[in-house]
Structure formats: structure tokens, C-alpha cells
Amino acid sequence: MTTQAVLPVAPGRPRGLSRRQRDFLLLNIFVLARHGYADRARVLADAMFELGDESAEVLLARAVLRFAEGQWADVLELLDNLDRIAPMERFGSYKLTDKQRMRRYLKTRSLHELGDKARARDAIDAYMRHGEAGLEEPE
């Protein structure tokens, strides 16, 4: 019996895919979803995840596709995982990026749809505190 050495894989990147191939697959997910083929995009995003790509991009794509299907609990689980690997909370004044704003919206809407009004209100408050202009400086 022979054993083969297992090479460590960098987190967030599946074994055997170059950066260019990975970016191509992510682009395909976006294009498929944009043209109304969310089911195909989801299969591709899930396959990338199963192959070991646990990057923020793949988790966000999976969350957006679950959101489009109305799978609110799955969205929250994916966003929790995303917050663990790519937290967006910082201290002090800062401006949210479009991706961060979208993550906040996905979370708020999912909490609302699941009937968790208190957490949804907290999520809205956090969104409003870090809106387009960021935190206001005290006078």
C-alpha cells in the first residue's frame, strides 16, 4: 500500500485551480446569476465551496444566491461564516464598501423575514451608523 503526501492547501483556494481559473469561475457565477440562471450559478458556487474554496467571495456568492431563493436561515449561517473569515466591523470612523453594505442588507432582510425583529432593528441601526458618510465626528 502506498501513501501519497497531502500538500497543504491555502485557505480559501481549492487545490488545482490557478488564480485566473478561480476568477473565471467567480465571473461565471456573476454572469449566470445576472442573466437569470441563479440555479446554475448556485451549483457552481456550491461546487467551488465543496472543492475547498472557502474564500469571502465564494461565501458571499452563496449567501446572495440563497437570499434570491428566500432561504433566510441559510443566508444568516453563511453571513456568520463570512463574518468569521472577513469581519467588517472596525473601531472608529469608516465608510462601508458596497459589499459590506450588501452584507448588512442581506442580514437585516433575512432577520426580518425570520421574524427576529430585535436583531433586525440592531442590524438596521448598525447600517445607519455606518452609512454613506460613515460616523459623524462629535462636535
N, C-alpha and C. Protein backbone atom coordinates (compact mmCIF):
# COMPACT_ATOMS: atom_id res chain seq x y z
N MET A 1 0.84 -1.17 0.00
CA MET A 1 0.00 0.00 0.00
C MET A 1 0.89 1.24 0.00
N THR A 2 0.62 2.13 -0.91
CA THR A 2 1.41 3.36 -0.98
C THR A 2 0.59 4.51 -0.44
N THR A 3 1.27 5.40 0.17
CA THR A 3 0.59 6.60 0.66
C THR A 3 1.14 7.79 -0.10
N GLN A 4 0.27 8.71 -0.37
CA GLN A 4 0.66 9.89 -1.10
C GLN A 4 0.62 11.07 -0.13
N ALA A 5 1.66 11.88 -0.18
CA ALA A 5 1.71 13.05 0.69
C ALA A 5 0.63 14.03 0.28
N VAL A 6 -0.03 14.58 1.26
CA VAL A 6 -1.07 15.57 1.00
C VAL A 6 -0.45 16.95 1.20
N LEU A 7 -0.50 17.74 0.17
CA LEU A 7 0.05 19.08 0.25
C LEU A 7 -0.96 19.99 0.92
N PRO A 8 -0.47 20.88 1.78
CA PRO A 8 -1.41 21.80 2.42
C PRO A 8 -2.00 22.75 1.38
N VAL A 9 -3.26 23.07 1.57
CA VAL A 9 -3.96 23.98 0.67
C VAL A 9 -4.18 25.29 1.40
N ALA A 10 -3.87 26.38 0.75
CA ALA A 10 -4.12 27.68 1.35
C ALA A 10 -5.62 27.85 1.56
N PRO A 11 -6.03 28.35 2.74
CA PRO A 11 -7.46 28.51 2.97
C PRO A 11 -8.07 29.45 1.93
N GLY A 12 -9.25 29.09 1.48
CA GLY A 12 -9.95 29.93 0.53
C GLY A 12 -9.63 29.66 -0.92
N ARG A 13 -8.80 28.68 -1.19
CA ARG A 13 -8.44 28.40 -2.58
C ARG A 13 -8.42 26.90 -2.82
N PRO A 14 -9.23 26.41 -3.76
CA PRO A 14 -9.28 24.97 -3.99
C PRO A 14 -8.01 24.47 -4.66
N ARG A 15 -7.66 23.26 -4.33
CA ARG A 15 -6.49 22.64 -4.91
C ARG A 15 -6.70 22.47 -6.41
N GLY A 16 -5.68 22.76 -7.19
CA GLY A 16 -5.73 22.52 -8.62
C GLY A 16 -6.24 23.68 -9.46
N LEU A 17 -6.69 24.75 -8.86
CA LEU A 17 -7.16 25.89 -9.64
C LEU A 17 -6.17 27.05 -9.51
N SER A 18 -5.83 27.63 -10.64
CA SER A 18 -4.99 28.83 -10.59
C SER A 18 -5.87 30.02 -10.21
N ARG A 19 -5.25 31.12 -9.89
CA ARG A 19 -6.00 32.33 -9.55
C ARG A 19 -6.88 32.75 -10.73
N ARG A 20 -6.35 32.63 -11.92
CA ARG A 20 -7.08 33.02 -13.13
C ARG A 20 -8.31 32.12 -13.34
N GLN A 21 -8.15 30.82 -13.14
CA GLN A 21 -9.27 29.89 -13.28
C GLN A 21 -10.34 30.18 -12.24
N ARG A 22 -9.90 30.45 -11.01
CA ARG A 22 -10.83 30.75 -9.93
C ARG A 22 -11.61 32.03 -10.24
N ASP A 23 -10.91 33.06 -10.70
CA ASP A 23 -11.58 34.31 -11.05
C ASP A 23 -12.57 34.10 -12.19
N PHE A 24 -12.22 33.23 -13.14
CA PHE A 24 -13.12 32.93 -14.25
C PHE A 24 -14.40 32.27 -13.75
N LEU A 25 -14.27 31.34 -12.81
CA LEU A 25 -15.45 30.69 -12.24
C LEU A 25 -16.32 31.69 -11.47
N LEU A 26 -15.69 32.57 -10.71
CA LEU A 26 -16.44 33.58 -9.98
C LEU A 26 -17.17 34.52 -10.94
N LEU A 27 -16.51 34.87 -12.03
CA LEU A 27 -17.16 35.71 -13.04
C LEU A 27 -18.35 34.98 -13.66
N ASN A 28 -18.20 33.69 -13.90
CA ASN A 28 -19.31 32.90 -14.44
C ASN A 28 -20.49 32.88 -13.49
N ILE A 29 -20.23 32.78 -12.20
CA ILE A 29 -21.30 32.80 -11.21
C ILE A 29 -22.07 34.12 -11.33
N PHE A 30 -21.34 35.21 -11.41
CA PHE A 30 -21.98 36.52 -11.52
C PHE A 30 -22.80 36.62 -12.80
N VAL A 31 -22.22 36.23 -13.92
CA VAL A 31 -22.91 36.34 -15.21
C VAL A 31 -24.16 35.46 -15.23
N LEU A 32 -24.03 34.24 -14.75
CA LEU A 32 -25.20 33.34 -14.73
C LEU A 32 -26.32 33.93 -13.87
N ALA A 33 -25.98 34.42 -12.71
CA ALA A 33 -26.99 35.00 -11.82
C ALA A 33 -27.60 36.25 -12.44
N ARG A 34 -26.78 37.05 -13.05
CA ARG A 34 -27.26 38.30 -13.66
C ARG A 34 -28.24 38.04 -14.81
N HIS A 35 -28.05 36.94 -15.50
CA HIS A 35 -28.91 36.60 -16.63
C HIS A 35 -30.07 35.67 -16.26
N GLY A 36 -30.31 35.51 -14.95
CA GLY A 36 -31.47 34.76 -14.51
C GLY A 36 -31.26 33.28 -14.32
N TYR A 37 -30.01 32.82 -14.37
CA TYR A 37 -29.73 31.40 -14.18
C TYR A 37 -29.16 31.18 -12.78
N ALA A 38 -29.93 31.60 -11.78
CA ALA A 38 -29.47 31.51 -10.40
C ALA A 38 -29.22 30.07 -9.98
N ASP A 39 -30.02 29.13 -10.50
CA ASP A 39 -29.83 27.72 -10.13
C ASP A 39 -28.47 27.22 -10.62
N ARG A 40 -28.09 27.59 -11.82
CA ARG A 40 -26.77 27.19 -12.35
C ARG A 40 -25.64 27.88 -11.58
N ALA A 41 -25.85 29.15 -11.27
CA ALA A 41 -24.84 29.89 -10.51
C ALA A 41 -24.64 29.26 -9.13
N ARG A 42 -25.75 28.84 -8.52
CA ARG A 42 -25.67 28.23 -7.20
C ARG A 42 -24.90 26.91 -7.26
N VAL A 43 -25.15 26.10 -8.29
CA VAL A 43 -24.43 24.83 -8.42
C VAL A 43 -22.94 25.10 -8.53
N LEU A 44 -22.57 26.10 -9.30
CA LEU A 44 -21.15 26.42 -9.48
C LEU A 44 -20.53 26.94 -8.18
N ALA A 45 -21.23 27.82 -7.49
CA ALA A 45 -20.73 28.36 -6.22
C ALA A 45 -20.60 27.25 -5.17
N ASP A 46 -21.61 26.38 -5.09
CA ASP A 46 -21.55 25.26 -4.14
C ASP A 46 -20.41 24.31 -4.48
N ALA A 47 -20.19 24.08 -5.78
CA ALA A 47 -19.10 23.19 -6.20
C ALA A 47 -17.75 23.78 -5.81
N MET A 48 -17.59 25.07 -6.00
CA MET A 48 -16.33 25.71 -5.60
C MET A 48 -16.10 25.55 -4.10
N PHE A 49 -17.17 25.71 -3.31
CA PHE A 49 -17.06 25.56 -1.87
C PHE A 49 -16.70 24.12 -1.51
N GLU A 50 -17.36 23.16 -2.13
CA GLU A 50 -17.08 21.75 -1.85
C GLU A 50 -15.67 21.35 -2.25
N LEU A 51 -15.11 22.04 -3.23
CA LEU A 51 -13.73 21.78 -3.65
C LEU A 51 -12.72 22.43 -2.72
N GLY A 52 -13.20 23.18 -1.75
CA GLY A 52 -12.31 23.75 -0.75
C GLY A 52 -12.16 25.25 -0.80
N ASP A 53 -12.86 25.92 -1.68
CA ASP A 53 -12.76 27.38 -1.75
C ASP A 53 -13.71 27.98 -0.73
N GLU A 54 -13.16 28.33 0.42
CA GLU A 54 -13.95 28.93 1.49
C GLU A 54 -13.64 30.41 1.61
N SER A 55 -13.35 31.03 0.48
CA SER A 55 -13.00 32.45 0.47
C SER A 55 -14.23 33.31 0.71
N ALA A 56 -13.97 34.57 1.03
CA ALA A 56 -15.06 35.52 1.25
C ALA A 56 -15.90 35.69 -0.01
N GLU A 57 -15.27 35.64 -1.17
CA GLU A 57 -16.00 35.82 -2.43
C GLU A 57 -17.01 34.70 -2.65
N VAL A 58 -16.58 33.46 -2.41
CA VAL A 58 -17.47 32.32 -2.62
C VAL A 58 -18.57 32.29 -1.57
N LEU A 59 -18.24 32.59 -0.32
CA LEU A 59 -19.28 32.63 0.73
C LEU A 59 -20.30 33.72 0.44
N LEU A 60 -19.84 34.88 -0.02
CA LEU A 60 -20.78 35.94 -0.34
C LEU A 60 -21.66 35.56 -1.52
N ALA A 61 -21.07 34.94 -2.53
CA ALA A 61 -21.87 34.49 -3.69
C ALA A 61 -22.93 33.49 -3.25
N ARG A 62 -22.55 32.55 -2.40
CA ARG A 62 -23.51 31.56 -1.91
C ARG A 62 -24.62 32.24 -1.11
N ALA A 63 -24.26 33.24 -0.28
CA ALA A 63 -25.27 33.94 0.52
C ALA A 63 -26.24 34.70 -0.38
N VAL A 64 -25.72 35.38 -1.39
CA VAL A 64 -26.59 36.14 -2.29
C VAL A 64 -27.53 35.21 -3.04
N LEU A 65 -27.03 34.08 -3.49
CA LEU A 65 -27.87 33.13 -4.23
C LEU A 65 -28.92 32.50 -3.32
N ARG A 66 -28.58 32.21 -2.07
CA ARG A 66 -29.58 31.69 -1.12
C ARG A 66 -30.63 32.75 -0.83
N PHE A 67 -30.18 34.01 -0.73
CA PHE A 67 -31.09 35.12 -0.50
C PHE A 67 -32.12 35.21 -1.62
N ALA A 68 -31.65 35.07 -2.85
CA ALA A 68 -32.55 35.14 -4.01
C ALA A 68 -33.60 34.03 -3.97
N GLU A 69 -33.26 32.91 -3.32
CA GLU A 69 -34.19 31.79 -3.19
C GLU A 69 -35.07 31.90 -1.95
N GLY A 70 -34.81 32.91 -1.12
CA GLY A 70 -35.60 33.08 0.10
C GLY A 70 -35.23 32.12 1.21
N GLN A 71 -34.03 31.61 1.20
CA GLN A 71 -33.57 30.68 2.25
C GLN A 71 -32.87 31.48 3.34
N TRP A 72 -33.68 32.15 4.15
CA TRP A 72 -33.21 33.14 5.10
C TRP A 72 -32.25 32.56 6.14
N ALA A 73 -32.55 31.41 6.70
CA ALA A 73 -31.68 30.81 7.72
C ALA A 73 -30.31 30.46 7.12
N ASP A 74 -30.31 29.93 5.91
CA ASP A 74 -29.03 29.62 5.24
C ASP A 74 -28.22 30.89 5.00
N VAL A 75 -28.90 31.96 4.64
CA VAL A 75 -28.20 33.24 4.42
C VAL A 75 -27.50 33.68 5.69
N LEU A 76 -28.21 33.62 6.81
CA LEU A 76 -27.62 34.04 8.08
C LEU A 76 -26.43 33.17 8.47
N GLU A 77 -26.53 31.88 8.24
CA GLU A 77 -25.42 30.97 8.54
C GLU A 77 -24.20 31.30 7.69
N LEU A 78 -24.42 31.53 6.41
CA LEU A 78 -23.31 31.89 5.52
C LEU A 78 -22.70 33.23 5.90
N LEU A 79 -23.54 34.20 6.27
CA LEU A 79 -23.02 35.50 6.69
C LEU A 79 -22.24 35.40 7.99
N ASP A 80 -22.67 34.54 8.91
CA ASP A 80 -21.90 34.32 10.14
C ASP A 80 -20.53 33.75 9.82
N ASN A 81 -20.47 32.78 8.91
CA ASN A 81 -19.19 32.23 8.49
C ASN A 81 -18.34 33.30 7.81
N LEU A 82 -18.96 34.11 7.01
CA LEU A 82 -18.26 35.19 6.33
C LEU A 82 -17.70 36.20 7.33
N ASP A 83 -18.47 36.51 8.37
CA ASP A 83 -18.00 37.43 9.41
C ASP A 83 -16.80 36.87 10.16
N ARG A 84 -16.72 35.56 10.28
CA ARG A 84 -15.58 34.95 10.96
C ARG A 84 -14.30 35.07 10.13
N ILE A 85 -14.42 34.89 8.81
CA ILE A 85 -13.19 34.93 8.00
C ILE A 85 -12.87 36.31 7.45
N ALA A 86 -13.87 37.18 7.33
CA ALA A 86 -13.66 38.53 6.80
C ALA A 86 -14.55 39.51 7.55
N PRO A 87 -14.20 39.78 8.82
CA PRO A 87 -15.05 40.68 9.60
C PRO A 87 -15.05 42.09 9.01
N MET A 88 -16.20 42.74 9.10
CA MET A 88 -16.27 44.09 8.56
C MET A 88 -16.35 45.15 9.64
N GLU A 89 -16.47 44.73 10.88
CA GLU A 89 -16.55 45.69 11.98
C GLU A 89 -15.17 46.20 12.32
N ARG A 90 -15.08 47.52 12.47
CA ARG A 90 -13.85 48.16 12.90
C ARG A 90 -14.20 49.24 13.89
N PHE A 91 -13.23 49.73 14.57
CA PHE A 91 -13.47 50.81 15.52
C PHE A 91 -13.17 52.14 14.85
N GLY A 92 -13.89 53.15 15.27
CA GLY A 92 -13.66 54.48 14.73
C GLY A 92 -14.51 54.77 13.51
N SER A 93 -14.19 55.85 12.85
CA SER A 93 -14.94 56.28 11.67
C SER A 93 -14.47 55.50 10.45
N TYR A 94 -15.41 55.03 9.68
CA TYR A 94 -15.09 54.38 8.42
C TYR A 94 -16.32 54.36 7.55
N LYS A 95 -16.09 54.19 6.28
CA LYS A 95 -17.17 54.16 5.29
C LYS A 95 -17.33 52.73 4.81
N LEU A 96 -18.56 52.24 4.78
CA LEU A 96 -18.81 50.88 4.31
C LEU A 96 -18.59 50.78 2.80
N THR A 97 -18.03 49.66 2.38
CA THR A 97 -17.93 49.40 0.95
C THR A 97 -19.27 48.88 0.45
N ASP A 98 -19.41 48.78 -0.85
CA ASP A 98 -20.66 48.25 -1.42
C ASP A 98 -20.91 46.82 -0.95
N LYS A 99 -19.85 46.01 -0.88
CA LYS A 99 -20.01 44.63 -0.42
C LYS A 99 -20.46 44.59 1.03
N GLN A 100 -19.89 45.45 1.86
CA GLN A 100 -20.27 45.48 3.26
C GLN A 100 -21.72 45.95 3.43
N ARG A 101 -22.10 46.95 2.65
CA ARG A 101 -23.47 47.43 2.70
C ARG A 101 -24.44 46.33 2.27
N MET A 102 -24.06 45.56 1.24
CA MET A 102 -24.90 44.47 0.78
C MET A 102 -25.00 43.39 1.86
N ARG A 103 -23.90 43.07 2.52
CA ARG A 103 -23.93 42.08 3.60
C ARG A 103 -24.88 42.52 4.70
N ARG A 104 -24.83 43.80 5.05
CA ARG A 104 -25.73 44.32 6.09
C ARG A 104 -27.18 44.18 5.65
N TYR A 105 -27.45 44.50 4.38
CA TYR A 105 -28.83 44.39 3.88
C TYR A 105 -29.30 42.93 3.91
N LEU A 106 -28.47 42.01 3.44
CA LEU A 106 -28.84 40.60 3.43
C LEU A 106 -29.17 40.13 4.84
N LYS A 107 -28.36 40.54 5.79
CA LYS A 107 -28.57 40.12 7.17
C LYS A 107 -29.87 40.73 7.73
N THR A 108 -30.05 42.01 7.52
CA THR A 108 -31.23 42.69 8.03
C THR A 108 -32.51 42.09 7.46
N ARG A 109 -32.53 41.91 6.15
CA ARG A 109 -33.72 41.37 5.50
C ARG A 109 -34.00 39.93 5.94
N SER A 110 -32.94 39.12 6.07
CA SER A 110 -33.11 37.74 6.50
C SER A 110 -33.66 37.67 7.92
N LEU A 111 -33.12 38.51 8.80
CA LEU A 111 -33.62 38.55 10.18
C LEU A 111 -35.08 38.97 10.20
N HIS A 112 -35.42 39.96 9.40
CA HIS A 112 -36.81 40.42 9.33
C HIS A 112 -37.73 39.30 8.84
N GLU A 113 -37.32 38.61 7.78
CA GLU A 113 -38.14 37.54 7.20
C GLU A 113 -38.32 36.38 8.18
N LEU A 114 -37.34 36.16 9.03
CA LEU A 114 -37.44 35.09 10.03
C LEU A 114 -38.18 35.53 11.28
N GLY A 115 -38.58 36.80 11.31
CA GLY A 115 -39.36 37.30 12.45
C GLY A 115 -38.54 37.72 13.64
N ASP A 116 -37.24 37.87 13.48
CA ASP A 116 -36.36 38.29 14.57
C ASP A 116 -36.23 39.81 14.53
N LYS A 117 -37.30 40.47 14.98
CA LYS A 117 -37.40 41.92 14.85
C LYS A 117 -36.32 42.67 15.62
N ALA A 118 -35.98 42.19 16.83
CA ALA A 118 -34.99 42.90 17.64
C ALA A 118 -33.62 42.89 16.96
N ARG A 119 -33.20 41.74 16.50
CA ARG A 119 -31.90 41.67 15.81
C ARG A 119 -31.94 42.41 14.48
N ALA A 120 -33.07 42.41 13.81
CA ALA A 120 -33.20 43.16 12.55
C ALA A 120 -33.06 44.65 12.83
N ARG A 121 -33.67 45.14 13.91
CA ARG A 121 -33.55 46.55 14.28
C ARG A 121 -32.10 46.91 14.59
N ASP A 122 -31.41 46.02 15.32
CA ASP A 122 -30.00 46.25 15.63
C ASP A 122 -29.17 46.32 14.34
N ALA A 123 -29.47 45.44 13.40
CA ALA A 123 -28.75 45.43 12.13
C ALA A 123 -29.01 46.72 11.34
N ILE A 124 -30.24 47.20 11.38
CA ILE A 124 -30.57 48.47 10.70
C ILE A 124 -29.83 49.62 11.37
N ASP A 125 -29.80 49.63 12.70
CA ASP A 125 -29.09 50.68 13.42
C ASP A 125 -27.61 50.69 13.06
N ALA A 126 -27.00 49.51 12.99
CA ALA A 126 -25.58 49.43 12.61
C ALA A 126 -25.38 49.93 11.20
N TYR A 127 -26.29 49.60 10.31
CA TYR A 127 -26.21 50.07 8.93
C TYR A 127 -26.29 51.58 8.87
N MET A 128 -27.22 52.15 9.62
CA MET A 128 -27.41 53.60 9.60
C MET A 128 -26.23 54.34 10.21
N ARG A 129 -25.61 53.76 11.24
CA ARG A 129 -24.46 54.40 11.87
C ARG A 129 -23.28 54.48 10.91
N HIS A 130 -23.16 53.51 10.01
CA HIS A 130 -22.03 53.46 9.09
C HIS A 130 -22.51 53.59 7.65
N GLY A 131 -23.38 54.55 7.44
CA GLY A 131 -23.91 54.76 6.10
C GLY A 131 -22.91 55.36 5.15
N GLU A 132 -23.38 56.03 4.16
CA GLU A 132 -22.54 56.57 3.09
C GLU A 132 -21.41 57.46 3.61
N ALA A 133 -21.70 58.28 4.60
CA ALA A 133 -20.70 59.23 5.07
C ALA A 133 -19.88 58.67 6.24
N GLY A 134 -20.23 57.52 6.75
CA GLY A 134 -19.51 56.97 7.91
C GLY A 134 -20.01 57.63 9.19
N LEU A 135 -19.28 57.44 10.26
CA LEU A 135 -19.68 58.05 11.54
C LEU A 135 -19.44 59.53 11.50
N GLU A 136 -20.34 60.25 12.13
CA GLU A 136 -20.14 61.69 12.23
C GLU A 136 -19.20 61.97 13.38
N GLU A 137 -18.37 62.95 13.20
CA GLU A 137 -17.42 63.33 14.24
C GLU A 137 -18.16 64.14 15.30
N PRO A 138 -17.86 63.91 16.59
CA PRO A 138 -18.51 64.70 17.65
C PRO A 138 -18.10 66.17 17.54
N GLU A 139 -19.02 67.04 17.94
CA GLU A 139 -18.73 68.49 17.86
C GLU A 139 -18.00 68.95 19.07
